[in-house]
Amino acid sequence: ELLTNVLQANLAQISVQQNDDMRKISAWVG
């Protein structure tokens, strides 16, 4: 169960990183 939660948290962290990258890219484009 812990590994399932860690995997979900890992995917959430990746999603957050991708969103953060997109914001930075958009800011520099602006």
ModelCIF file with pLDDT and N, C-alpha, C, O atoms, coordinates in Angstrom:
data_MODEL
#
_entry.id   MODEL 
#
_entity.id                         1 
_entity.type                       polymer 
_entity.pdbx_number_of_molecules   1 
#
_entity_poly.entity_id                      1 
_entity_poly.type                           'polypeptide(L)' 
_entity_poly.nstd_linkage                   no 
_entity_poly.nstd_monomer                   no 
_entity_poly.pdbx_seq_one_letter_code       ELLTNVLQANLAQISVQQNDDMRKISAWVG 
_entity_poly.pdbx_seq_one_letter_code_can   ELLTNVLQANLAQISVQQNDDMRKISAWVG 
_entity_poly.pdbx_strand_id                 A 
#
loop_
_entity_poly_seq.entity_id 
_entity_poly_seq.num 
_entity_poly_seq.mon_id 
_entity_poly_seq.hetero 
1 1  GLU n 
1 2  LEU n 
1 3  LEU n 
1 4  THR n 
1 5  ASN n 
1 6  VAL n 
1 7  LEU n 
1 8  GLN n 
1 9  ALA n 
1 10 ASN n 
1 11 LEU n 
1 12 ALA n 
1 13 GLN n 
1 14 ILE n 
1 15 SER n 
1 16 VAL n 
1 17 GLN n 
1 18 GLN n 
1 19 ASN n 
1 20 ASP n 
1 21 ASP n 
1 22 MET n 
1 23 ARG n 
1 24 LYS n 
1 25 ILE n 
1 26 SER n 
1 27 ALA n 
1 28 TRP n 
1 29 VAL n 
1 30 GLY n 
#
_struct_asym.id          A 
_struct_asym.entity_id   1 
#
loop_
_ma_qa_metric.id 
_ma_qa_metric.mode 
_ma_qa_metric.name 
_ma_qa_metric.software_group_id 
_ma_qa_metric.type 
1 global pLDDT . pLDDT 
2 local  pLDDT . pLDDT 
#
_ma_qa_metric_global.metric_id      1 
_ma_qa_metric_global.metric_value   79.30 
_ma_qa_metric_global.model_id       1 
_ma_qa_metric_global.ordinal_id     1 
#
loop_
_ma_qa_metric_local.label_asym_id 
_ma_qa_metric_local.label_comp_id 
_ma_qa_metric_local.label_seq_id 
_ma_qa_metric_local.metric_id 
_ma_qa_metric_local.metric_value 
_ma_qa_metric_local.model_id 
_ma_qa_metric_local.ordinal_id 
A GLU 1  2 94.00 1 1  
A LEU 2  2 93.00 1 2  
A LEU 3  2 92.00 1 3  
A THR 4  2 91.00 1 4  
A ASN 5  2 90.00 1 5  
A VAL 6  2 89.00 1 6  
A LEU 7  2 87.00 1 7  
A GLN 8  2 86.00 1 8  
A ALA 9  2 85.00 1 9  
A ASN 10 2 82.00 1 10 
A LEU 11 2 80.00 1 11 
A ALA 12 2 79.00 1 12 
A GLN 13 2 77.00 1 13 
A ILE 14 2 73.00 1 14 
A SER 15 2 74.00 1 15 
A VAL 16 2 68.00 1 16 
A GLN 17 2 70.00 1 17 
A GLN 18 2 68.00 1 18 
A ASN 19 2 70.00 1 19 
A ASP 20 2 72.00 1 20 
A ASP 21 2 70.00 1 21 
A MET 22 2 78.00 1 22 
A ARG 23 2 75.00 1 23 
A LYS 24 2 77.00 1 24 
A ILE 25 2 77.00 1 25 
A SER 26 2 76.00 1 26 
A ALA 27 2 75.00 1 27 
A TRP 28 2 78.00 1 28 
A VAL 29 2 77.00 1 29 
A GLY 30 2 76.00 1 30 
#
loop_
_atom_site.group_PDB 
_atom_site.id 
_atom_site.type_symbol 
_atom_site.label_atom_id 
_atom_site.label_alt_id 
_atom_site.label_comp_id 
_atom_site.label_asym_id 
_atom_site.label_entity_id 
_atom_site.label_seq_id 
_atom_site.pdbx_PDB_ins_code 
_atom_site.Cartn_x 
_atom_site.Cartn_y 
_atom_site.Cartn_z 
_atom_site.occupancy 
_atom_site.B_iso_or_equiv 
_atom_site.pdbx_formal_charge 
_atom_site.auth_seq_id 
_atom_site.auth_comp_id 
_atom_site.auth_asym_id 
_atom_site.auth_atom_id 
_atom_site.pdbx_PDB_model_num 
ATOM 1   N N  . GLU A 1 1  ? 0.836  -1.208 0.000   1.00 94.00 ? 1  GLU A N  1 
ATOM 2   C CA . GLU A 1 1  ? 0.000  0.000  0.000   1.00 94.00 ? 1  GLU A CA 1 
ATOM 3   C C  . GLU A 1 1  ? 0.870  1.256  0.000   1.00 94.00 ? 1  GLU A C  1 
ATOM 4   O O  . GLU A 1 1  ? 0.563  2.242  -0.671  1.00 94.00 ? 1  GLU A O  1 
ATOM 5   N N  . LEU A 1 2  ? 1.960  1.200  0.766   1.00 93.00 ? 2  LEU A N  1 
ATOM 6   C CA . LEU A 1 2  ? 2.859  2.356  0.815   1.00 93.00 ? 2  LEU A CA 1 
ATOM 7   C C  . LEU A 1 2  ? 3.475  2.630  -0.554  1.00 93.00 ? 2  LEU A C  1 
ATOM 8   O O  . LEU A 1 2  ? 3.597  3.784  -0.963  1.00 93.00 ? 2  LEU A O  1 
ATOM 9   N N  . LEU A 1 3  ? 3.864  1.569  -1.263  1.00 92.00 ? 3  LEU A N  1 
ATOM 10  C CA . LEU A 1 3  ? 4.436  1.756  -2.596  1.00 92.00 ? 3  LEU A CA 1 
ATOM 11  C C  . LEU A 1 3  ? 3.412  2.335  -3.561  1.00 92.00 ? 3  LEU A C  1 
ATOM 12  O O  . LEU A 1 3  ? 3.753  3.135  -4.432  1.00 92.00 ? 3  LEU A O  1 
ATOM 13  N N  . THR A 1 4  ? 2.145  1.925  -3.400  1.00 91.00 ? 4  THR A N  1 
ATOM 14  C CA . THR A 1 4  ? 1.092  2.507  -4.243  1.00 91.00 ? 4  THR A CA 1 
ATOM 15  C C  . THR A 1 4  ? 0.981  4.005  -3.992  1.00 91.00 ? 4  THR A C  1 
ATOM 16  O O  . THR A 1 4  ? 0.867  4.790  -4.934  1.00 91.00 ? 4  THR A O  1 
ATOM 17  N N  . ASN A 1 5  ? 1.016  4.400  -2.721  1.00 90.00 ? 5  ASN A N  1 
ATOM 18  C CA . ASN A 1 5  ? 0.930  5.826  -2.381  1.00 90.00 ? 5  ASN A CA 1 
ATOM 19  C C  . ASN A 1 5  ? 2.166  6.590  -2.857  1.00 90.00 ? 5  ASN A C  1 
ATOM 20  O O  . ASN A 1 5  ? 2.066  7.724  -3.327  1.00 90.00 ? 5  ASN A O  1 
ATOM 21  N N  . VAL A 1 6  ? 3.332  5.953  -2.727  1.00 89.00 ? 6  VAL A N  1 
ATOM 22  C CA . VAL A 1 6  ? 4.566  6.606  -3.177  1.00 89.00 ? 6  VAL A CA 1 
ATOM 23  C C  . VAL A 1 6  ? 4.546  6.789  -4.699  1.00 89.00 ? 6  VAL A C  1 
ATOM 24  O O  . VAL A 1 6  ? 4.980  7.820  -5.212  1.00 89.00 ? 6  VAL A O  1 
ATOM 25  N N  . LEU A 1 7  ? 4.040  5.783  -5.410  1.00 87.00 ? 7  LEU A N  1 
ATOM 26  C CA . LEU A 1 7  ? 3.955  5.904  -6.865  1.00 87.00 ? 7  LEU A CA 1 
ATOM 27  C C  . LEU A 1 7  ? 3.016  7.037  -7.265  1.00 87.00 ? 7  LEU A C  1 
ATOM 28  O O  . LEU A 1 7  ? 3.319  7.800  -8.182  1.00 87.00 ? 7  LEU A O  1 
ATOM 29  N N  . GLN A 1 8  ? 1.869  7.150  -6.578  1.00 86.00 ? 8  GLN A N  1 
ATOM 30  C CA . GLN A 1 8  ? 0.942  8.241  -6.871  1.00 86.00 ? 8  GLN A CA 1 
ATOM 31  C C  . GLN A 1 8  ? 1.569  9.597  -6.558  1.00 86.00 ? 8  GLN A C  1 
ATOM 32  O O  . GLN A 1 8  ? 1.422  10.555 -7.317  1.00 86.00 ? 8  GLN A O  1 
ATOM 33  N N  . ALA A 1 9  ? 2.279  9.659  -5.413  1.00 85.00 ? 9  ALA A N  1 
ATOM 34  C CA . ALA A 1 9  ? 2.946  10.913 -5.058  1.00 85.00 ? 9  ALA A CA 1 
ATOM 35  C C  . ALA A 1 9  ? 4.030  11.253 -6.075  1.00 85.00 ? 9  ALA A C  1 
ATOM 36  O O  . ALA A 1 9  ? 4.231  12.419 -6.414  1.00 85.00 ? 9  ALA A O  1 
ATOM 37  N N  . ASN A 1 10 ? 4.725  10.229 -6.558  1.00 82.00 ? 10 ASN A N  1 
ATOM 38  C CA . ASN A 1 10 ? 5.770  10.453 -7.557  1.00 82.00 ? 10 ASN A CA 1 
ATOM 39  C C  . ASN A 1 10 ? 5.176  11.016 -8.843  1.00 82.00 ? 10 ASN A C  1 
ATOM 40  O O  . ASN A 1 10 ? 5.719  11.954 -9.427  1.00 82.00 ? 10 ASN A O  1 
ATOM 41  N N  . LEU A 1 11 ? 4.052  10.438 -9.285  1.00 80.00 ? 11 LEU A N  1 
ATOM 42  C CA . LEU A 1 11 ? 3.396  10.939 -10.495 1.00 80.00 ? 11 LEU A CA 1 
ATOM 43  C C  . LEU A 1 11 ? 2.882  12.364 -10.287 1.00 80.00 ? 11 LEU A C  1 
ATOM 44  O O  . LEU A 1 11 ? 2.938  13.189 -11.198 1.00 80.00 ? 11 LEU A O  1 
ATOM 45  N N  . ALA A 1 12 ? 2.384  12.646 -9.087  1.00 79.00 ? 12 ALA A N  1 
ATOM 46  C CA . ALA A 1 12 ? 1.919  14.004 -8.788  1.00 79.00 ? 12 ALA A CA 1 
ATOM 47  C C  . ALA A 1 12 ? 3.087  14.989 -8.825  1.00 79.00 ? 12 ALA A C  1 
ATOM 48  O O  . ALA A 1 12 ? 2.952  16.104 -9.329  1.00 79.00 ? 12 ALA A O  1 
ATOM 49  N N  . GLN A 1 13 ? 4.249  14.562 -8.281  1.00 77.00 ? 13 GLN A N  1 
ATOM 50  C CA . GLN A 1 13 ? 5.427  15.424 -8.297  1.00 77.00 ? 13 GLN A CA 1 
ATOM 51  C C  . GLN A 1 13 ? 5.887  15.697 -9.727  1.00 77.00 ? 13 GLN A C  1 
ATOM 52  O O  . GLN A 1 13 ? 6.285  16.814 -10.056 1.00 77.00 ? 13 GLN A O  1 
ATOM 53  N N  . ILE A 1 14 ? 5.831  14.674 -10.568 1.00 73.00 ? 14 ILE A N  1 
ATOM 54  C CA . ILE A 1 14 ? 6.209  14.861 -11.969 1.00 73.00 ? 14 ILE A CA 1 
ATOM 55  C C  . ILE A 1 14 ? 5.261  15.837 -12.651 1.00 73.00 ? 14 ILE A C  1 
ATOM 56  O O  . ILE A 1 14 ? 5.689  16.697 -13.421 1.00 73.00 ? 14 ILE A O  1 
ATOM 57  N N  . SER A 1 15 ? 3.963  15.698 -12.359 1.00 74.00 ? 15 SER A N  1 
ATOM 58  C CA . SER A 1 15 ? 2.975  16.611 -12.943 1.00 74.00 ? 15 SER A CA 1 
ATOM 59  C C  . SER A 1 15 ? 3.221  18.047 -12.490 1.00 74.00 ? 15 SER A C  1 
ATOM 60  O O  . SER A 1 15 ? 3.112  18.981 -13.285 1.00 74.00 ? 15 SER A O  1 
ATOM 61  N N  . VAL A 1 16 ? 3.555  18.221 -11.204 1.00 68.00 ? 16 VAL A N  1 
ATOM 62  C CA . VAL A 1 16 ? 3.840  19.553 -10.681 1.00 68.00 ? 16 VAL A CA 1 
ATOM 63  C C  . VAL A 1 16 ? 5.075  20.131 -11.378 1.00 68.00 ? 16 VAL A C  1 
ATOM 64  O O  . VAL A 1 16 ? 5.103  21.303 -11.752 1.00 68.00 ? 16 VAL A O  1 
ATOM 65  N N  . GLN A 1 17 ? 6.097  19.280 -11.542 1.00 70.00 ? 17 GLN A N  1 
ATOM 66  C CA . GLN A 1 17 ? 7.309  19.746 -12.223 1.00 70.00 ? 17 GLN A CA 1 
ATOM 67  C C  . GLN A 1 17 ? 7.015  20.164 -13.661 1.00 70.00 ? 17 GLN A C  1 
ATOM 68  O O  . GLN A 1 17 ? 7.528  21.178 -14.136 1.00 70.00 ? 17 GLN A O  1 
ATOM 69  N N  . GLN A 1 18 ? 6.197  19.387 -14.346 1.00 68.00 ? 18 GLN A N  1 
ATOM 70  C CA . GLN A 1 18 ? 5.856  19.722 -15.723 1.00 68.00 ? 18 GLN A CA 1 
ATOM 71  C C  . GLN A 1 18 ? 5.081  21.035 -15.792 1.00 68.00 ? 18 GLN A C  1 
ATOM 72  O O  . GLN A 1 18 ? 5.335  21.866 -16.665 1.00 68.00 ? 18 GLN A O  1 
ATOM 73  N N  . ASN A 1 19 ? 4.143  21.218 -14.877 1.00 70.00 ? 19 ASN A N  1 
ATOM 74  C CA . ASN A 1 19 ? 3.392  22.483 -14.837 1.00 70.00 ? 19 ASN A CA 1 
ATOM 75  C C  . ASN A 1 19 ? 4.321  23.662 -14.542 1.00 70.00 ? 19 ASN A C  1 
ATOM 76  O O  . ASN A 1 19 ? 4.193  24.737 -15.127 1.00 70.00 ? 19 ASN A O  1 
ATOM 77  N N  . ASP A 1 20 ? 5.258  23.433 -13.620 1.00 72.00 ? 20 ASP A N  1 
ATOM 78  C CA . ASP A 1 20 ? 6.208  24.489 -13.282 1.00 72.00 ? 20 ASP A CA 1 
ATOM 79  C C  . ASP A 1 20 ? 7.079  24.839 -14.490 1.00 72.00 ? 20 ASP A C  1 
ATOM 80  O O  . ASP A 1 20 ? 7.361  26.008 -14.750 1.00 72.00 ? 20 ASP A O  1 
ATOM 81  N N  . ASP A 1 21 ? 7.495  23.807 -15.217 1.00 70.00 ? 21 ASP A N  1 
ATOM 82  C CA . ASP A 1 21 ? 8.299  24.044 -16.414 1.00 70.00 ? 21 ASP A CA 1 
ATOM 83  C C  . ASP A 1 21 ? 7.505  24.825 -17.460 1.00 70.00 ? 21 ASP A C  1 
ATOM 84  O O  . ASP A 1 21 ? 8.035  25.730 -18.105 1.00 70.00 ? 21 ASP A O  1 
ATOM 85  N N  . MET A 1 22 ? 6.234  24.469 -17.622 1.00 78.00 ? 22 MET A N  1 
ATOM 86  C CA . MET A 1 22 ? 5.403  25.168 -18.596 1.00 78.00 ? 22 MET A CA 1 
ATOM 87  C C  . MET A 1 22 ? 5.219  26.632 -18.215 1.00 78.00 ? 22 MET A C  1 
ATOM 88  O O  . MET A 1 22 ? 5.215  27.502 -19.085 1.00 78.00 ? 22 MET A O  1 
ATOM 89  N N  . ARG A 1 23 ? 5.067  26.910 -16.926 1.00 75.00 ? 23 ARG A N  1 
ATOM 90  C CA . ARG A 1 23 ? 4.925  28.309 -16.479 1.00 75.00 ? 23 ARG A CA 1 
ATOM 91  C C  . ARG A 1 23 ? 6.200  29.094 -16.778 1.00 75.00 ? 23 ARG A C  1 
ATOM 92  O O  . ARG A 1 23 ? 6.151  30.232 -17.245 1.00 75.00 ? 23 ARG A O  1 
ATOM 93  N N  . LYS A 1 24 ? 7.342  28.464 -16.499 1.00 77.00 ? 24 LYS A N  1 
ATOM 94  C CA . LYS A 1 24 ? 8.603  29.159 -16.748 1.00 77.00 ? 24 LYS A CA 1 
ATOM 95  C C  . LYS A 1 24 ? 8.799  29.420 -18.244 1.00 77.00 ? 24 LYS A C  1 
ATOM 96  O O  . LYS A 1 24 ? 9.230  30.500 -18.650 1.00 77.00 ? 24 LYS A O  1 
ATOM 97  N N  . ILE A 1 25 ? 8.478  28.421 -19.041 1.00 77.00 ? 25 ILE A N  1 
ATOM 98  C CA . ILE A 1 25 ? 8.600  28.603 -20.490 1.00 77.00 ? 25 ILE A CA 1 
ATOM 99  C C  . ILE A 1 25 ? 7.684  29.722 -20.975 1.00 77.00 ? 25 ILE A C  1 
ATOM 100 O O  . ILE A 1 25 ? 8.077  30.557 -21.790 1.00 77.00 ? 25 ILE A O  1 
ATOM 101 N N  . SER A 1 26 ? 6.449  29.723 -20.458 1.00 76.00 ? 26 SER A N  1 
ATOM 102 C CA . SER A 1 26 ? 5.494  30.761 -20.859 1.00 76.00 ? 26 SER A CA 1 
ATOM 103 C C  . SER A 1 26 ? 5.964  32.144 -20.424 1.00 76.00 ? 26 SER A C  1 
ATOM 104 O O  . SER A 1 26 ? 5.802  33.124 -21.151 1.00 76.00 ? 26 SER A O  1 
ATOM 105 N N  . ALA A 1 27 ? 6.558  32.212 -19.207 1.00 75.00 ? 27 ALA A N  1 
ATOM 106 C CA . ALA A 1 27 ? 7.042  33.498 -18.723 1.00 75.00 ? 27 ALA A CA 1 
ATOM 107 C C  . ALA A 1 27 ? 8.174  34.024 -19.601 1.00 75.00 ? 27 ALA A C  1 
ATOM 108 O O  . ALA A 1 27 ? 8.186  35.203 -19.956 1.00 75.00 ? 27 ALA A O  1 
ATOM 109 N N  . TRP A 1 28 ? 9.110  33.172 -19.949 1.00 78.00 ? 28 TRP A N  1 
ATOM 110 C CA . TRP A 1 28 ? 10.228 33.617 -20.788 1.00 78.00 ? 28 TRP A CA 1 
ATOM 111 C C  . TRP A 1 28 ? 9.744  33.983 -22.193 1.00 78.00 ? 28 TRP A C  1 
ATOM 112 O O  . TRP A 1 28 ? 10.254 34.921 -22.806 1.00 78.00 ? 28 TRP A O  1 
ATOM 113 N N  . VAL A 1 29 ? 8.770  33.247 -22.693 1.00 77.00 ? 29 VAL A N  1 
ATOM 114 C CA . VAL A 1 29 ? 8.200  33.602 -23.995 1.00 77.00 ? 29 VAL A CA 1 
ATOM 115 C C  . VAL A 1 29 ? 7.574  34.997 -23.931 1.00 77.00 ? 29 VAL A C  1 
ATOM 116 O O  . VAL A 1 29 ? 7.718  35.802 -24.851 1.00 77.00 ? 29 VAL A O  1 
ATOM 117 N N  . GLY A 1 30 ? 6.864  35.266 -22.806 1.00 76.00 ? 30 GLY A N  1 
ATOM 118 C CA . GLY A 1 30 ? 6.257  36.588 -22.640 1.00 76.00 ? 30 GLY A CA 1 
ATOM 119 C C  . GLY A 1 30 ? 7.297  37.686 -22.566 1.00 76.00 ? 30 GLY A C  1 
ATOM 120 O O  . GLY A 1 30 ? 6.949  38.858 -22.427 1.00 76.00 ? 30 GLY A O  1 
#
